[in-house]
């Protein structure tokens, strides 16, 4: 016998949620998801890009011809009197309002690499803090990419959390007289699935690469 909630039959399935929703819950789910669909698409694209970064980080250390002679300036003091110029080597990720680049510069000790986030000039962050942020610095280009991937998982989780919060507000406004916990959980689980899949794929790719490196070293002995 079909399960009923608030007098309605629970028969509507949504992605990555084990339960079923009533018609009212299903309508609320669709309304809420409509507000985050662009961000969700970005989340899925970042997951795909991160998997590619993990599978072959060396590929992203190769200078990309589309960024030849393009550079970024980063500020390294509150007074703005210490600025460094970096040459863009490749783009690691493209987000909605910013880009993540692998950059390089020459120092007295040789090449230095950095992962730098560049924001759109009219974004609130850029207007308050400048349009670039140095995320990490390394003397090895591939290690810089690998270290960034490890940190980028936190970015995915932060994005997913923000999307759920946005959707939750819409759901509460629509069904304030009812308990919308199942709708919110359904959206939360769909977002979490993308992040968890990314984590699993990244870990698998990292393990595969390490095993391959050990095998290569073993053959060289």
Protein backbone atom coordinates (compact mmCIF):
# COMPACT_ATOMS: atom_id res chain seq x y z
CA UNK A 1 0.00 0.00 0.00
CA UNK A 2 1.49 3.39 -0.98
CA UNK A 3 2.88 5.46 1.87
CA UNK A 4 0.94 8.64 2.65
CA UNK A 5 2.14 11.87 4.25
CA UNK A 6 -0.27 14.67 5.17
CA UNK A 7 -2.98 12.85 3.27
CA UNK A 8 -0.92 12.68 0.05
CA UNK A 9 0.64 9.62 -1.53
CA UNK A 10 4.46 9.62 -1.55
CA UNK A 11 5.23 8.50 -5.09
CA UNK A 12 7.65 11.02 -6.64
CA UNK A 13 11.29 10.01 -6.93
CA UNK A 14 14.15 12.52 -7.17
CA UNK A 15 17.86 11.86 -7.88
CA UNK A 16 20.04 10.44 -5.09
CA UNK A 17 17.25 10.32 -2.50
CA UNK A 18 16.12 6.90 -1.29
CA UNK A 19 12.63 7.99 -0.26
CA UNK A 20 9.74 9.33 -2.31
CA UNK A 21 8.04 12.69 -2.07
CA UNK A 22 4.42 13.75 -2.07
CA UNK A 23 3.18 16.05 -4.83
CA UNK A 24 3.50 19.10 -2.57
CA UNK A 25 7.02 18.09 -1.55
CA UNK A 26 7.94 17.37 -5.17
CA UNK A 27 6.74 20.82 -6.27
CA UNK A 28 8.72 22.45 -3.45
CA UNK A 29 11.79 20.43 -4.42
CA UNK A 30 11.56 21.57 -8.05
CA UNK A 31 11.05 25.22 -7.09
CA UNK A 32 14.04 25.15 -4.76
CA UNK A 33 16.29 23.30 -7.17
CA UNK A 34 15.47 25.79 -9.90
CA UNK A 35 17.18 28.49 -7.81
CA UNK A 36 20.44 26.52 -7.57
CA UNK A 37 20.52 24.67 -10.90
CA UNK A 38 23.29 26.85 -12.34
CA UNK A 39 25.45 26.44 -9.24
CA UNK A 40 24.73 22.70 -9.26
CA UNK A 41 25.88 22.46 -12.88
CA UNK A 42 29.06 24.28 -11.89
CA UNK A 43 29.54 21.86 -8.99
CA UNK A 44 29.29 18.90 -11.37
CA UNK A 45 31.72 20.54 -13.83
CA UNK A 46 34.24 21.21 -11.05
CA UNK A 47 33.96 17.58 -9.99
CA UNK A 48 34.75 16.51 -13.54
CA UNK A 49 37.65 18.95 -13.84
CA UNK A 50 39.10 17.91 -10.48
CA UNK A 51 39.03 14.27 -11.56
CA UNK A 52 41.00 15.20 -14.68
CA UNK A 53 43.46 17.20 -12.58
CA UNK A 54 44.01 14.20 -10.32
CA UNK A 55 44.32 11.71 -13.16
CA UNK A 56 47.07 13.64 -14.94
CA UNK A 57 48.38 16.62 -12.97
CA UNK A 58 51.44 16.79 -15.19
CA UNK A 59 49.27 17.72 -18.16
CA UNK A 60 48.24 20.95 -16.44
CA UNK A 61 51.85 21.98 -15.85
CA UNK A 62 52.38 22.32 -19.62
CA UNK A 63 52.17 25.99 -20.66
CA UNK A 64 48.86 26.71 -22.43
CA UNK A 65 49.28 28.75 -25.60
CA UNK A 66 46.08 30.72 -24.97
CA UNK A 67 47.72 32.36 -21.95
CA UNK A 68 51.03 33.29 -23.56
CA UNK A 69 52.22 36.71 -22.34
CA UNK A 70 49.33 36.95 -19.87
CA UNK A 71 50.21 37.71 -16.28
CA UNK A 72 48.66 38.36 -12.87
CA UNK A 73 49.74 40.73 -10.14
CA UNK A 74 49.41 39.72 -6.51
CA UNK A 75 49.59 41.95 -3.47
CA UNK A 76 51.67 40.78 -0.53
CA UNK A 77 51.24 43.53 2.04
CA UNK A 78 48.30 45.46 3.44
CA UNK A 79 49.86 48.73 2.27
CA UNK A 80 50.06 47.41 -1.28
CA UNK A 81 53.77 48.21 -1.53
CA UNK A 82 54.84 44.64 -2.29
CA UNK A 83 53.35 43.35 -5.51
CA UNK A 84 54.56 40.36 -7.49
CA UNK A 85 53.98 39.64 -11.18
CA UNK A 86 53.25 36.04 -12.22
CA UNK A 87 53.07 34.57 -15.71
CA UNK A 88 50.01 32.39 -16.27
CA UNK A 89 51.02 28.84 -17.17
CA UNK A 90 47.62 27.13 -17.40
CA UNK A 91 44.06 27.29 -16.09
CA UNK A 92 43.19 24.60 -13.56
CA UNK A 93 39.52 25.43 -13.01
CA UNK A 94 36.93 27.87 -14.31
CA UNK A 95 34.33 28.83 -11.71
CA UNK A 96 31.23 31.01 -12.02
CA UNK A 97 32.93 34.25 -11.01
CA UNK A 98 36.61 33.39 -10.93
CA UNK A 99 39.38 31.30 -12.47
CA UNK A 100 42.09 29.19 -10.85
CA UNK A 101 45.47 29.44 -12.59
CA UNK A 102 48.84 27.75 -12.25
CA UNK A 103 51.36 30.59 -12.52
CA UNK A 104 55.12 30.98 -12.43
CA UNK A 105 57.80 33.62 -11.89
CA UNK A 106 61.57 33.69 -11.88
CA UNK A 107 63.40 34.27 -8.60
CA UNK A 108 67.07 34.37 -7.66
CA UNK A 109 66.75 30.70 -6.71
CA UNK A 110 64.97 29.60 -9.87
CA UNK A 111 61.33 29.20 -10.91
CA UNK A 112 58.58 29.55 -8.35
CA UNK A 113 55.06 28.31 -8.98
CA UNK A 114 51.76 29.42 -7.46
CA UNK A 115 48.10 28.52 -7.71
CA UNK A 116 46.26 31.84 -7.94
CA UNK A 117 42.55 32.59 -7.98
CA UNK A 118 41.52 35.55 -10.12
CA UNK A 119 38.11 37.10 -9.43
CA UNK A 120 35.97 39.20 -11.74
CA UNK A 121 36.86 42.85 -11.23
CA UNK A 122 33.30 43.83 -10.30
CA UNK A 123 32.81 41.02 -7.77
CA UNK A 124 32.34 42.01 -4.11
CA UNK A 125 35.50 40.13 -3.14
CA UNK A 126 37.64 41.88 -5.76
CA UNK A 127 36.34 45.30 -4.81
CA UNK A 128 37.15 44.70 -1.13
CA UNK A 129 40.38 42.70 -1.39
CA UNK A 130 41.77 42.96 -4.92
CA UNK A 131 41.09 40.55 -7.76
CA UNK A 132 43.75 37.91 -6.99
CA UNK A 133 44.46 35.52 -4.13
CA UNK A 134 47.52 33.30 -3.85
CA UNK A 135 46.26 29.89 -2.74
CA UNK A 136 49.61 28.13 -2.47
CA UNK A 137 53.24 28.44 -3.57
CA UNK A 138 55.68 25.68 -4.52
CA UNK A 139 59.02 25.16 -6.23
CA UNK A 140 57.52 22.23 -8.17
CA UNK A 141 54.74 22.75 -10.72
CA UNK A 142 53.21 19.27 -10.46
CA UNK A 143 53.25 19.31 -6.67
CA UNK A 144 51.44 22.67 -6.78
CA UNK A 145 48.67 21.10 -8.88
CA UNK A 146 48.43 18.02 -6.64
CA UNK A 147 48.32 20.13 -3.47
CA UNK A 148 45.60 22.31 -4.97
CA UNK A 149 43.41 19.30 -5.77
CA UNK A 150 43.65 18.19 -2.14
CA UNK A 151 42.45 21.63 -1.01
CA UNK A 152 39.80 21.95 -3.73
CA UNK A 153 37.66 19.27 -2.09
CA UNK A 154 36.92 21.79 0.64
CA UNK A 155 35.76 24.23 -2.03
CA UNK A 156 33.27 21.66 -3.32
CA UNK A 157 31.88 21.04 0.16
CA UNK A 158 31.58 24.77 0.80
CA UNK A 159 29.71 25.27 -2.50
CA UNK A 160 27.35 22.37 -1.73
CA UNK A 161 26.63 23.79 1.73
CA UNK A 162 25.81 27.21 0.30
CA UNK A 163 23.47 25.69 -2.29
CA UNK A 164 21.58 23.73 0.34
CA UNK A 165 21.20 26.89 2.45
CA UNK A 166 19.80 28.79 -0.56
CA UNK A 167 17.38 25.99 -1.40
CA UNK A 168 16.33 25.65 2.22
CA UNK A 169 15.23 29.29 2.31
CA UNK A 170 13.02 28.75 -0.76
CA UNK A 171 11.48 25.60 0.70
CA UNK A 172 10.65 27.26 4.02
CA UNK A 173 9.03 30.21 2.24
CA UNK A 174 6.88 27.85 0.16
CA UNK A 175 5.75 25.38 2.83
CA UNK A 176 6.14 27.31 6.08
CA UNK A 177 3.01 25.62 7.44
CA UNK A 178 4.43 22.12 6.92
CA UNK A 179 7.62 20.31 7.88
CA UNK A 180 9.90 20.54 4.82
CA UNK A 181 12.70 18.40 6.29
CA UNK A 182 12.37 15.64 3.65
CA UNK A 183 12.61 18.13 0.78
CA UNK A 184 15.67 19.76 2.30
CA UNK A 185 17.24 16.35 2.92
CA UNK A 186 16.59 15.31 -0.67
CA UNK A 187 18.37 18.40 -2.01
CA UNK A 188 21.19 18.04 0.51
CA UNK A 189 21.78 14.41 -0.43
CA UNK A 190 21.84 15.24 -4.15
CA UNK A 191 24.52 17.91 -3.60
CA UNK A 192 26.46 15.69 -1.19
CA UNK A 193 26.48 12.87 -3.75
CA UNK A 194 28.45 15.03 -6.19
CA UNK A 195 31.01 15.90 -3.50
CA UNK A 196 31.30 12.32 -2.25
CA UNK A 197 31.71 10.98 -5.80
CA UNK A 198 34.44 13.56 -6.42
CA UNK A 199 36.21 12.51 -3.22
CA UNK A 200 36.04 8.82 -4.15
CA UNK A 201 37.26 9.43 -7.70
CA UNK A 202 40.10 11.69 -6.54
CA UNK A 203 41.25 9.13 -3.97
CA UNK A 204 41.09 6.32 -6.52
CA UNK A 205 43.04 8.33 -9.11
CA UNK A 206 45.66 9.32 -6.52
CA UNK A 207 46.13 5.71 -5.43
CA UNK A 208 46.37 4.52 -9.04
CA UNK A 209 48.99 7.17 -9.82
CA UNK A 210 51.07 6.30 -6.73
CA UNK A 211 50.96 2.58 -7.56
CA UNK A 212 52.00 3.35 -11.13
CA UNK A 213 54.91 5.46 -9.90
CA UNK A 214 56.06 2.69 -7.55
CA UNK A 215 55.82 0.17 -10.37
CA UNK A 216 57.94 2.41 -12.59
CA UNK A 217 60.54 2.80 -9.84
CA UNK A 218 60.56 -0.96 -9.30
CA UNK A 219 61.18 -1.62 -12.96
CA UNK A 220 64.05 0.85 -12.94
CA UNK A 221 65.86 -0.95 -10.10
